[in-house]
C-alpha atoms as a PDB file:
ATOM      1  CA  MET A   1     151.868 172.010  85.081  1.00  0.00           C
ATOM      2  CA  THR A   2     152.246 168.006  85.816  1.00  0.00           C
ATOM      3  CA  VAL A   3     152.482 166.563  89.220  1.00  0.00           C
ATOM      4  CA  ASN A   4     154.575 163.841  89.188  1.00  0.00           C
ATOM      5  CA  LYS A   5     153.058 161.129  92.241  1.00  0.00           C
ATOM      6  CA  LEU A   6     155.506 158.978  93.519  1.00  0.00           C
ATOM      7  CA  PRO A   7     154.927 155.404  93.366  1.00  0.00           C
ATOM      8  CA  PRO A   8     153.570 153.752  96.634  1.00  0.00           C
ATOM      9  CA  ILE A   9     156.272 152.407  99.502  1.00  0.00           C
ATOM     10  CA  HIS A  10     156.082 148.684 100.115  1.00  0.00           C
ATOM     11  CA  PRO A  11     155.511 147.381 103.234  1.00  0.00           C
ATOM     12  CA  GLY A  12     158.969 145.441 103.268  1.00  0.00           C
ATOM     13  CA  LYS A  13     160.909 148.784 102.567  1.00  0.00           C
ATOM     14  CA  ILE A  14     158.661 150.475 105.594  1.00  0.00           C
ATOM     15  CA  LEU A  15     159.891 147.721 107.878  1.00  0.00           C
ATOM     16  CA  GLN A  16     163.389 147.508 106.682  1.00  0.00           C
ATOM     17  CA  GLU A  17     164.020 151.208 106.788  1.00  0.00           C
ATOM     18  CA  ASN A  18     161.899 151.846 110.410  1.00  0.00           C
ATOM     19  CA  LEU A  19     162.022 148.550 112.493  1.00  0.00           C
ATOM     20  CA  PHE A  20     165.304 146.754 111.021  1.00  0.00           C
ATOM     21  CA  GLU A  21     168.002 149.122 109.966  1.00  0.00           C
ATOM     22  CA  PRO A  22     167.900 151.454 112.874  1.00  0.00           C
ATOM     23  CA  ARG A  23     168.204 148.221 115.439  1.00  0.00           C
ATOM     24  CA  GLY A  24     170.586 146.550 113.522  1.00  0.00           C
ATOM     25  CA  LEU A  25     168.634 143.803 112.669  1.00  0.00           C
ATOM     26  CA  THR A  26     168.969 141.150 109.922  1.00  0.00           C
ATOM     27  CA  VAL A  27     166.184 139.338 107.968  1.00  0.00           C
ATOM     28  CA  GLU A  28     167.952 135.880 108.702  1.00  0.00           C
ATOM     29  CA  LYS A  29     167.878 137.390 112.578  1.00  0.00           C
ATOM     30  CA  VAL A  30     164.190 138.445 113.094  1.00  0.00           C
ATOM     31  CA  ALA A  31     162.712 135.140 110.883  1.00  0.00           C
ATOM     32  CA  GLN A  32     164.301 133.121 113.002  1.00  0.00           C
ATOM     33  CA  SER A  33     162.747 134.965 115.576  1.00  0.00           C
ATOM     34  CA  ILE A  34     159.305 134.779 114.488  1.00  0.00           C
ATOM     35  CA  HIS A  35     159.998 131.308 113.452  1.00  0.00           C
ATOM     36  CA  ILE A  36     159.274 131.659 110.195  1.00  0.00           C
ATOM     37  CA  PRO A  37     161.459 130.778 106.828  1.00  0.00           C
ATOM     38  CA  THR A  38     163.957 133.634 106.139  1.00  0.00           C
ATOM     39  CA  GLU A  39     162.836 133.652 102.226  1.00  0.00           C
ATOM     40  CA  LYS A  40     159.656 134.490 103.017  1.00  0.00           C
ATOM     41  CA  LEU A  41     160.323 137.230 104.832  1.00  0.00           C
ATOM     42  CA  GLN A  42     163.913 138.329 102.336  1.00  0.00           C
ATOM     43  CA  LYS A  43     160.264 138.555  99.683  1.00  0.00           C
ATOM     44  CA  LEU A  44     158.698 140.478 101.683  1.00  0.00           C
ATOM     45  CA  ILE A  45     161.436 142.909 102.418  1.00  0.00           C
ATOM     46  CA  GLU A  46     162.189 143.000  98.717  1.00  0.00           C
ATOM     47  CA  GLY A  47     158.467 144.227  97.809  1.00  0.00           C
ATOM     48  CA  LYS A  48     157.951 140.379  96.609  1.00  0.00           C
ATOM     49  CA  SER A  49     155.275 139.299  98.752  1.00  0.00           C
ATOM     50  CA  ASN A  50     152.846 140.857 100.867  1.00  0.00           C
ATOM     51  CA  LEU A  51     152.464 141.358 104.696  1.00  0.00           C
ATOM     52  CA  THR A  52     149.935 138.363 105.547  1.00  0.00           C
ATOM     53  CA  THR A  53     148.129 138.755 108.738  1.00  0.00           C
ATOM     54  CA  ASP A  54     150.369 135.670 110.007  1.00  0.00           C
ATOM     55  CA  MET A  55     153.334 137.985 109.727  1.00  0.00           C
ATOM     56  CA  ALA A  56     151.739 141.044 110.810  1.00  0.00           C
ATOM     57  CA  CYS A  57     150.910 139.159 113.995  1.00  0.00           C
ATOM     58  CA  ARG A  58     154.368 137.585 114.362  1.00  0.00           C
ATOM     59  CA  LEU A  59     156.110 141.068 113.750  1.00  0.00           C
ATOM     60  CA  SER A  60     153.230 142.802 116.218  1.00  0.00           C
ATOM     61  CA  LEU A  61     154.276 139.913 119.114  1.00  0.00           C
ATOM     62  CA  TYR A  62     158.287 139.945 118.406  1.00  0.00           C
ATOM     63  CA  PHE A  63     158.294 143.993 118.196  1.00  0.00           C
ATOM     64  CA  GLN A  64     155.739 144.329 120.935  1.00  0.00           C
ATOM     65  CA  VAL A  65     153.200 146.456 118.861  1.00  0.00           C
ATOM     66  CA  GLY A  66     149.725 146.021 117.474  1.00  0.00           C
ATOM     67  CA  ALA A  67     149.287 144.140 114.568  1.00  0.00           C
ATOM     68  CA  LYS A  68     146.625 146.426 113.361  1.00  0.00           C
ATOM     69  CA  GLY A  69     149.186 148.994 112.396  1.00  0.00           C
ATOM     70  CA  PHE A  70     150.903 146.186 110.617  1.00  0.00           C
ATOM     71  CA  LEU A  71     147.501 145.281 108.655  1.00  0.00           C
ATOM     72  CA  ASN A  72     146.748 149.075 107.849  1.00  0.00           C
ATOM     73  CA  ILE A  73     150.607 149.868 106.123  1.00  0.00           C
ATOM     74  CA  GLN A  74     149.225 146.254 103.897  1.00  0.00           C
ATOM     75  CA  GLN A  75     146.376 147.777 103.130  1.00  0.00           C
ATOM     76  CA  ILE A  76     147.346 151.308 102.392  1.00  0.00           C
ATOM     77  CA  TYR A  77     149.662 149.949 100.166  1.00  0.00           C
ATOM     78  CA  ASP A  78     147.230 148.092  98.220  1.00  0.00           C
ATOM     79  CA  LEU A  79     145.046 151.074  97.888  1.00  0.00           C
ATOM     80  CA  GLU A  80     147.464 152.839  96.179  1.00  0.00           C
ATOM     81  CA  CYS A  81     148.467 150.859  93.697  1.00  0.00           C
ATOM     82  CA  TRP A  82     145.060 149.979  92.909  1.00  0.00           C
ATOM     83  CA  LYS A  83     144.211 153.764  92.567  1.00  0.00           C
ATOM     84  CA  ASP A  84     147.433 154.228  90.538  1.00  0.00           C
ATOM     85  CA  ARG A  85     146.119 151.065  88.000  1.00  0.00           C
ATOM     86  CA  GLU A  86     142.408 150.926  88.535  1.00  0.00           C
ATOM     87  CA  GLU A  87     140.806 154.252  89.464  1.00  0.00           C
ATOM     88  CA  ALA A  88     140.615 155.986  86.302  1.00  0.00           C
ATOM     89  CA  LYS A  89     138.861 152.796  84.532  1.00  0.00           C
ATOM     90  CA  ALA A  90     136.700 152.229  87.281  1.00  0.00           C
ATOM     91  CA  LYS A  91     135.277 155.993  87.223  1.00  0.00           C
ATOM     92  CA  LYS A  92     134.672 155.914  83.936  1.00  0.00           C
ATOM     93  CA  GLN A  93     133.154 152.432  84.138  1.00  0.00           C
ATOM     94  CA  ILE A  94     131.143 153.383  87.461  1.00  0.00           C
ATOM     95  CA  HIS A  95     128.136 155.530  87.396  1.00  0.00           C
ATOM     96  CA  PRO A  96     127.333 156.340  91.296  1.00  0.00           C
ATOM     97  CA  TYR A  97     124.088 155.782  92.730  1.00  0.00           C
ATOM     98  CA  GLN A  98     121.821 159.019  92.998  1.00  0.00           C
ATOM     99  CA  GLU A  99     119.247 158.851  95.242  1.00  0.00           C
ATOM    100  CA  ASN A 100     115.629 159.794  93.388  1.00  0.00           C
ATOM    101  CA  LYS A 101     114.379 162.605  94.991  1.00  0.00           C
ATOM    102  CA  SER A 102     110.977 162.604  93.333  1.00  0.00           C
ATOM    103  CA  LYS A 103     109.843 159.376  94.901  1.00  0.00           C
ATOM    104  CA  GLN A 104     105.929 159.552  95.854  1.00  0.00           C
ATOM    105  CA  LYS A 105     105.643 158.269  99.299  1.00  0.00           C
ATOM    106  CA  TYR A 106     102.572 155.967  99.626  1.00  0.00           C
ATOM    107  CA  ALA A 107     100.301 156.132 102.522  1.00  0.00           C
END
């Protein structure tokens, strides 16, 4: 049985669905409020750019929540994307370190 894995959810979609839509906020309104170009925030919402530290901090001040949460969303997304693209190849290339248990201890 093959399990179909859903693709990772981009941080922009999470922002749109969890913060913007429930509050009736537009990209233009939020961009203006956090003093960034509308196009920059629009690219994030569309999944065409990443959530930067600067934007995470600005959004955290605007929504009055911790910036680490925003940064964690981006890191989790990046990790899941890496796993989807690179993990199988890396597992074939990398041989895990194994402690040599037969090492002799010198006095």
